Amino acid sequence: MEAETKQQDVQAVPQWMEELEKPEVQQALSMLVQKLPQISNAVAKAEQGIDLAAAFASDTESLNYLADRASSVSKFALNKENLEALSTLMESLPRLAKMVGALDRLYTTLEPVLTDKDILVDMASMVQVVAAPVTERVREGVSMAKEGMSMVQEAKERASRNHDTLSIFGVLRMLKEPAVQEGLKFAQALFAVMAERKVLK
């Protein structure tokens, strides 16, 4: 009877013992044992994630905030026009990045200059020195224009008050005036230049 029991035990054990004796099973078990620390870390991280998700799910304020954000984003339709604009923007990103880099370098260079009060005072005085002659010329031009307008206005008033009839002798006397002579010479030269350049036909 005892021999039969031992024989049955021997027959029952070999099935899983035979599996353990296979080299591929032993190799798999060895790899599993080696990977146990990594598996343990992964399980711990998964547990942390589950805990975090559970805490977040119980935080109604955060869930309401996310819901509001999602609804505001959903208002922007992903239509053809928006997708084309997004595509154009994506294509332009390398150029925009270069421009931003150039502006950053320019700002880095100019920042010390623009924050230094002494340099700004020197630059302002330099601009005044350069601009002074131009400003003076503009003032002179404005002054001359005002003077010319004043003379034209005065001549107009005198002509309107003068009711004398001009005679041929009066015109001849006027022709002898140096100012009239200069004006007539200028007019003659101007007409000649205009004829040469075919402005006058």
C-alpha atoms as a PDB file:
ATOM      1  CA  MET A   1       0.000   0.000   0.000  1.00  0.00           C
ATOM      2  CA  GLU A   2       2.808   2.327   0.918  1.00  0.00           C
ATOM      3  CA  ALA A   3       4.556   1.498  -2.344  1.00  0.00           C
ATOM      4  CA  GLU A   4       1.437   2.408  -4.287  1.00  0.00           C
ATOM      5  CA  THR A   5       1.199   5.799  -2.549  1.00  0.00           C
ATOM      6  CA  LYS A   6       4.858   6.541  -3.269  1.00  0.00           C
ATOM      7  CA  GLN A   7       4.363   5.509  -6.869  1.00  0.00           C
ATOM      8  CA  GLN A   8       1.336   7.832  -7.172  1.00  0.00           C
ATOM      9  CA  ASP A   9       3.348  10.726  -5.656  1.00  0.00           C
ATOM     10  CA  VAL A  10       6.173  10.073  -8.099  1.00  0.00           C
ATOM     11  CA  GLN A  11       3.714  10.103 -10.964  1.00  0.00           C
ATOM     12  CA  ALA A  12       1.962  13.332  -9.716  1.00  0.00           C
ATOM     13  CA  VAL A  13       5.152  15.399  -9.211  1.00  0.00           C
ATOM     14  CA  PRO A  14       6.949  14.890 -12.505  1.00  0.00           C
ATOM     15  CA  GLN A  15       4.537  16.993 -14.526  1.00  0.00           C
ATOM     16  CA  TRP A  16       5.537  20.405 -13.044  1.00  0.00           C
ATOM     17  CA  MET A  17       9.040  19.206 -12.208  1.00  0.00           C
ATOM     18  CA  GLU A  18       9.536  18.365 -15.848  1.00  0.00           C
ATOM     19  CA  GLU A  19       8.444  21.918 -16.759  1.00  0.00           C
ATOM     20  CA  LEU A  20      11.024  23.341 -14.337  1.00  0.00           C
ATOM     21  CA  GLU A  21      13.738  21.242 -15.884  1.00  0.00           C
ATOM     22  CA  LYS A  22      13.215  22.817 -19.333  1.00  0.00           C
ATOM     23  CA  PRO A  23      15.976  25.384 -20.130  1.00  0.00           C
ATOM     24  CA  GLU A  24      13.560  27.979 -21.583  1.00  0.00           C
ATOM     25  CA  VAL A  25      11.432  27.844 -18.394  1.00  0.00           C
ATOM     26  CA  GLN A  26      14.524  28.183 -16.210  1.00  0.00           C
ATOM     27  CA  GLN A  27      15.697  31.136 -18.346  1.00  0.00           C
ATOM     28  CA  ALA A  28      12.260  32.807 -18.080  1.00  0.00           C
ATOM     29  CA  LEU A  29      12.246  32.298 -14.300  1.00  0.00           C
ATOM     30  CA  SER A  30      15.743  33.727 -14.034  1.00  0.00           C
ATOM     31  CA  MET A  31      14.741  36.802 -16.068  1.00  0.00           C
ATOM     32  CA  LEU A  32      11.602  37.203 -13.938  1.00  0.00           C
ATOM     33  CA  VAL A  33      13.665  37.127 -10.760  1.00  0.00           C
ATOM     34  CA  GLN A  34      16.078  39.708 -12.207  1.00  0.00           C
ATOM     35  CA  LYS A  35      13.161  41.985 -13.225  1.00  0.00           C
ATOM     36  CA  LEU A  36      11.430  41.814  -9.828  1.00  0.00           C
ATOM     37  CA  PRO A  37      12.867  45.200  -8.612  1.00  0.00           C
ATOM     38  CA  GLN A  38      11.668  46.942 -11.788  1.00  0.00           C
ATOM     39  CA  ILE A  39       8.265  45.267 -11.530  1.00  0.00           C
ATOM     40  CA  SER A  40       8.058  46.329  -7.895  1.00  0.00           C
ATOM     41  CA  ASN A  41       8.860  49.984  -8.872  1.00  0.00           C
ATOM     42  CA  ALA A  42       6.269  49.896 -11.662  1.00  0.00           C
ATOM     43  CA  VAL A  43       3.619  48.574  -9.286  1.00  0.00           C
ATOM     44  CA  ALA A  44       4.511  51.280  -6.722  1.00  0.00           C
ATOM     45  CA  LYS A  45       4.256  53.993  -9.396  1.00  0.00           C
ATOM     46  CA  ALA A  46       0.938  52.582 -10.596  1.00  0.00           C
ATOM     47  CA  GLU A  47      -0.337  52.689  -7.020  1.00  0.00           C
ATOM     48  CA  GLN A  48       0.817  56.321  -6.707  1.00  0.00           C
ATOM     49  CA  GLY A  49      -0.968  57.161  -9.962  1.00  0.00           C
ATOM     50  CA  ILE A  50      -4.132  55.506  -8.769  1.00  0.00           C
ATOM     51  CA  ASP A  51      -3.923  57.394  -5.462  1.00  0.00           C
ATOM     52  CA  LEU A  52      -3.362  60.686  -7.331  1.00  0.00           C
ATOM     53  CA  ALA A  53      -6.275  59.999  -9.702  1.00  0.00           C
ATOM     54  CA  ALA A  54      -8.510  59.132  -6.764  1.00  0.00           C
ATOM     55  CA  ALA A  55      -7.511  62.351  -4.949  1.00  0.00           C
ATOM     56  CA  PHE A  56      -8.072  64.406  -8.111  1.00  0.00           C
ATOM     57  CA  ALA A  57     -11.443  62.751  -8.735  1.00  0.00           C
ATOM     58  CA  SER A  58     -12.547  63.734  -5.236  1.00  0.00           C
ATOM     59  CA  ASP A  59     -11.370  67.366  -5.741  1.00  0.00           C
ATOM     60  CA  THR A  60     -14.494  68.982  -7.254  1.00  0.00           C
ATOM     61  CA  GLU A  61     -12.844  72.407  -7.627  1.00  0.00           C
ATOM     62  CA  SER A  62     -10.150  71.025  -9.949  1.00  0.00           C
ATOM     63  CA  LEU A  63     -12.715  69.030 -11.919  1.00  0.00           C
ATOM     64  CA  ASN A  64     -14.887  72.137 -12.395  1.00  0.00           C
ATOM     65  CA  TYR A  65     -11.835  74.137 -13.533  1.00  0.00           C
ATOM     66  CA  LEU A  66     -10.950  71.464 -16.121  1.00  0.00           C
ATOM     67  CA  ALA A  67     -14.544  71.311 -17.315  1.00  0.00           C
ATOM     68  CA  ASP A  68     -14.599  75.103 -17.810  1.00  0.00           C
ATOM     69  CA  ARG A  69     -11.299  74.969 -19.734  1.00  0.00           C
ATOM     70  CA  ALA A  70     -12.543  72.135 -21.934  1.00  0.00           C
ATOM     71  CA  SER A  71     -15.756  73.996 -22.761  1.00  0.00           C
ATOM     72  CA  SER A  72     -13.842  77.177 -23.691  1.00  0.00           C
ATOM     73  CA  VAL A  73     -11.482  75.203 -25.941  1.00  0.00           C
ATOM     74  CA  SER A  74     -14.387  73.415 -27.620  1.00  0.00           C
ATOM     75  CA  LYS A  75     -15.757  76.808 -28.734  1.00  0.00           C
ATOM     76  CA  PHE A  76     -12.893  77.050 -31.242  1.00  0.00           C
ATOM     77  CA  ALA A  77     -14.059  75.038 -34.200  1.00  0.00           C
ATOM     78  CA  LEU A  78     -11.457  72.940 -35.974  1.00  0.00           C
ATOM     79  CA  ASN A  79     -12.677  74.032 -39.370  1.00  0.00           C
ATOM     80  CA  LYS A  80     -10.632  74.205 -42.571  1.00  0.00           C
ATOM     81  CA  GLU A  81      -9.741  77.876 -42.112  1.00  0.00           C
ATOM     82  CA  ASN A  82      -8.384  77.368 -38.586  1.00  0.00           C
ATOM     83  CA  LEU A  83      -6.425  74.286 -39.626  1.00  0.00           C
ATOM     84  CA  GLU A  84      -4.870  76.150 -42.585  1.00  0.00           C
ATOM     85  CA  ALA A  85      -3.913  79.032 -40.283  1.00  0.00           C
ATOM     86  CA  LEU A  86      -2.387  76.566 -37.818  1.00  0.00           C
ATOM     87  CA  SER A  87      -0.459  74.896 -40.647  1.00  0.00           C
ATOM     88  CA  THR A  88       0.869  78.261 -41.864  1.00  0.00           C
ATOM     89  CA  LEU A  89       1.890  79.145 -38.321  1.00  0.00           C
ATOM     90  CA  MET A  90       3.706  75.831 -37.920  1.00  0.00           C
ATOM     91  CA  GLU A  91       5.572  76.391 -41.209  1.00  0.00           C
ATOM     92  CA  SER A  92       6.588  79.877 -40.064  1.00  0.00           C
ATOM     93  CA  LEU A  93       7.899  78.745 -36.672  1.00  0.00           C
ATOM     94  CA  PRO A  94      11.566  78.363 -37.776  1.00  0.00           C
ATOM     95  CA  ARG A  95      11.606  81.932 -39.167  1.00  0.00           C
ATOM     96  CA  LEU A  96       9.816  83.253 -36.094  1.00  0.00           C
ATOM     97  CA  ALA A  97      12.352  81.501 -33.889  1.00  0.00           C
ATOM     98  CA  LYS A  98      15.213  83.157 -35.825  1.00  0.00           C
ATOM     99  CA  MET A  99      13.528  86.557 -35.513  1.00  0.00           C
ATOM    100  CA  VAL A 100      13.001  86.106 -31.789  1.00  0.00           C
ATOM    101  CA  GLY A 101      16.637  85.066 -31.413  1.00  0.00           C
ATOM    102  CA  ALA A 102      17.804  88.149 -33.342  1.00  0.00           C
ATOM    103  CA  LEU A 103      15.570  90.420 -31.261  1.00  0.00           C
ATOM    104  CA  ASP A 104      16.864  88.812 -28.088  1.00  0.00           C
ATOM    105  CA  ARG A 105      20.486  89.425 -29.152  1.00  0.00           C
ATOM    106  CA  LEU A 106      19.622  93.018 -30.124  1.00  0.00           C
ATOM    107  CA  TYR A 107      17.904  93.592 -26.773  1.00  0.00           C
ATOM    108  CA  THR A 108      20.851  92.061 -24.920  1.00  0.00           C
ATOM    109  CA  THR A 109      23.185  94.437 -26.786  1.00  0.00           C
ATOM    110  CA  LEU A 110      21.044  97.551 -26.379  1.00  0.00           C
ATOM    111  CA  GLU A 111      19.822  97.035 -22.817  1.00  0.00           C
ATOM    112  CA  PRO A 112      23.001  98.341 -21.133  1.00  0.00           C
ATOM    113  CA  VAL A 113      23.039 101.362 -23.475  1.00  0.00           C
ATOM    114  CA  LEU A 114      19.373 102.204 -22.929  1.00  0.00           C
ATOM    115  CA  THR A 115      19.608 101.933 -19.156  1.00  0.00           C
ATOM    116  CA  ASP A 116      22.788 104.046 -18.818  1.00  0.00           C
ATOM    117  CA  LYS A 117      21.710 107.655 -18.149  1.00  0.00           C
ATOM    118  CA  ASP A 118      25.109 109.127 -19.098  1.00  0.00           C
ATOM    119  CA  ILE A 119      25.038 107.472 -22.524  1.00  0.00           C
ATOM    120  CA  LEU A 120      21.457 108.647 -23.109  1.00  0.00           C
ATOM    121  CA  VAL A 121      22.398 112.241 -22.200  1.00  0.00           C
ATOM    122  CA  ASP A 122      25.400 112.082 -24.569  1.00  0.00           C
ATOM    123  CA  MET A 123      23.217 110.697 -27.374  1.00  0.00           C
ATOM    124  CA  ALA A 124      20.611 113.427 -26.853  1.00  0.00           C
ATOM    125  CA  SER A 125      23.244 116.167 -27.015  1.00  0.00           C
ATOM    126  CA  MET A 126      24.746 114.557 -30.153  1.00  0.00           C
ATOM    127  CA  VAL A 127      21.320 114.526 -31.816  1.00  0.00           C
ATOM    128  CA  GLN A 128      20.887 118.204 -30.938  1.00  0.00           C
ATOM    129  CA  VAL A 129      24.276 119.052 -32.485  1.00  0.00           C
ATOM    130  CA  VAL A 130      23.412 117.187 -35.696  1.00  0.00           C
ATOM    131  CA  ALA A 131      19.859 118.510 -35.883  1.00  0.00           C
ATOM    132  CA  ALA A 132      20.678 122.158 -35.037  1.00  0.00           C
ATOM    133  CA  PRO A 133      21.752 123.215 -38.584  1.00  0.00           C
ATOM    134  CA  VAL A 134      18.736 121.511 -40.141  1.00  0.00           C
ATOM    135  CA  THR A 135      16.420 123.106 -37.602  1.00  0.00           C
ATOM    136  CA  GLU A 136      17.990 126.508 -38.278  1.00  0.00           C
ATOM    137  CA  ARG A 137      17.506 126.088 -42.051  1.00  0.00           C
ATOM    138  CA  VAL A 138      13.881 125.113 -41.544  1.00  0.00           C
ATOM    139  CA  ARG A 139      13.349 128.168 -39.350  1.00  0.00           C
ATOM    140  CA  GLU A 140      14.947 130.389 -42.002  1.00  0.00           C
ATOM    141  CA  GLY A 141      12.714 128.828 -44.682  1.00  0.00           C
ATOM    142  CA  VAL A 142       9.605 129.359 -42.594  1.00  0.00           C
ATOM    143  CA  SER A 143      10.671 132.932 -41.872  1.00  0.00           C
ATOM    144  CA  MET A 144      11.250 133.606 -45.597  1.00  0.00           C
ATOM    145  CA  ALA A 145       7.898 132.085 -46.494  1.00  0.00           C
ATOM    146  CA  LYS A 146       6.175 134.260 -43.900  1.00  0.00           C
ATOM    147  CA  GLU A 147       7.998 137.336 -45.216  1.00  0.00           C
ATOM    148  CA  GLY A 148       7.022 136.460 -48.798  1.00  0.00           C
ATOM    149  CA  MET A 149       3.389 135.995 -47.821  1.00  0.00           C
ATOM    150  CA  SER A 150       3.483 139.301 -45.973  1.00  0.00           C
ATOM    151  CA  MET A 151       4.892 141.082 -49.058  1.00  0.00           C
ATOM    152  CA  VAL A 152       2.269 139.504 -51.345  1.00  0.00           C
ATOM    153  CA  GLN A 153      -0.501 140.510 -48.963  1.00  0.00           C
ATOM    154  CA  GLU A 154       0.783 144.089 -48.724  1.00  0.00           C
ATOM    155  CA  ALA A 155       1.163 144.344 -52.534  1.00  0.00           C
ATOM    156  CA  LYS A 156      -2.393 143.048 -52.956  1.00  0.00           C
ATOM    157  CA  GLU A 157      -3.727 145.679 -50.566  1.00  0.00           C
ATOM    158  CA  ARG A 158      -1.787 148.486 -52.297  1.00  0.00           C
ATOM    159  CA  ALA A 159      -2.992 147.355 -55.732  1.00  0.00           C
ATOM    160  CA  SER A 160      -6.600 147.309 -54.536  1.00  0.00           C
ATOM    161  CA  ARG A 161      -6.241 150.890 -53.193  1.00  0.00           C
ATOM    162  CA  ASN A 162      -4.543 152.220 -56.329  1.00  0.00           C
ATOM    163  CA  HIS A 163      -7.168 153.377 -58.816  1.00  0.00           C
ATOM    164  CA  ASP A 164      -4.751 155.124 -61.185  1.00  0.00           C
ATOM    165  CA  THR A 165      -4.725 154.022 -64.802  1.00  0.00           C
ATOM    166  CA  LEU A 166      -1.368 152.644 -65.944  1.00  0.00           C
ATOM    167  CA  SER A 167      -0.004 154.373 -69.013  1.00  0.00           C
ATOM    168  CA  ILE A 168       2.475 152.956 -71.458  1.00  0.00           C
ATOM    169  CA  PHE A 169       5.055 155.331 -69.989  1.00  0.00           C
ATOM    170  CA  GLY A 170       4.344 154.040 -66.503  1.00  0.00           C
ATOM    171  CA  VAL A 171       4.921 150.458 -67.708  1.00  0.00           C
ATOM    172  CA  LEU A 172       8.162 151.501 -69.422  1.00  0.00           C
ATOM    173  CA  ARG A 173       9.337 153.174 -66.215  1.00  0.00           C
ATOM    174  CA  MET A 174       8.498 149.970 -64.328  1.00  0.00           C
ATOM    175  CA  LEU A 175      10.521 147.947 -66.793  1.00  0.00           C
ATOM    176  CA  LYS A 176      13.608 149.952 -65.812  1.00  0.00           C
ATOM    177  CA  GLU A 177      13.244 148.911 -62.138  1.00  0.00           C
ATOM    178  CA  PRO A 178      15.986 146.418 -61.135  1.00  0.00           C
ATOM    179  CA  ALA A 179      13.505 144.093 -59.402  1.00  0.00           C
ATOM    180  CA  VAL A 180      11.279 143.955 -62.504  1.00  0.00           C
ATOM    181  CA  GLN A 181      14.340 143.364 -64.707  1.00  0.00           C
ATOM    182  CA  GLU A 182      15.448 140.444 -62.482  1.00  0.00           C
ATOM    183  CA  GLY A 183      11.945 138.977 -62.545  1.00  0.00           C
ATOM    184  CA  LEU A 184      11.681 139.252 -66.315  1.00  0.00           C
ATOM    185  CA  LYS A 185      15.136 137.708 -66.826  1.00  0.00           C
ATOM    186  CA  PHE A 186      14.180 134.838 -64.543  1.00  0.00           C
ATOM    187  CA  ALA A 187      10.906 134.302 -66.411  1.00  0.00           C
ATOM    188  CA  GLN A 188      12.728 134.351 -69.760  1.00  0.00           C
ATOM    189  CA  ALA A 189      15.307 131.800 -68.555  1.00  0.00           C
ATOM    190  CA  LEU A 190      12.584 129.584 -67.060  1.00  0.00           C
ATOM    191  CA  PHE A 191      10.629 129.552 -70.333  1.00  0.00           C
ATOM    192  CA  ALA A 192      13.816 128.688 -72.255  1.00  0.00           C
ATOM    193  CA  VAL A 193      14.598 125.752 -69.952  1.00  0.00           C
ATOM    194  CA  MET A 194      10.997 124.509 -70.173  1.00  0.00           C
ATOM    195  CA  ALA A 195      11.116 124.688 -73.981  1.00  0.00           C
ATOM    196  CA  GLU A 196      14.425 122.756 -74.064  1.00  0.00           C
ATOM    197  CA  ARG A 197      13.014 120.034 -71.846  1.00  0.00           C
ATOM    198  CA  LYS A 198       9.853 119.991 -73.965  1.00  0.00           C
ATOM    199  CA  VAL A 199       7.606 120.952 -71.094  1.00  0.00           C
ATOM    200  CA  LEU A 200       6.170 123.735 -73.225  1.00  0.00           C
ATOM    201  CA  LYS A 201       4.884 122.778 -76.683  1.00  0.00           C
END
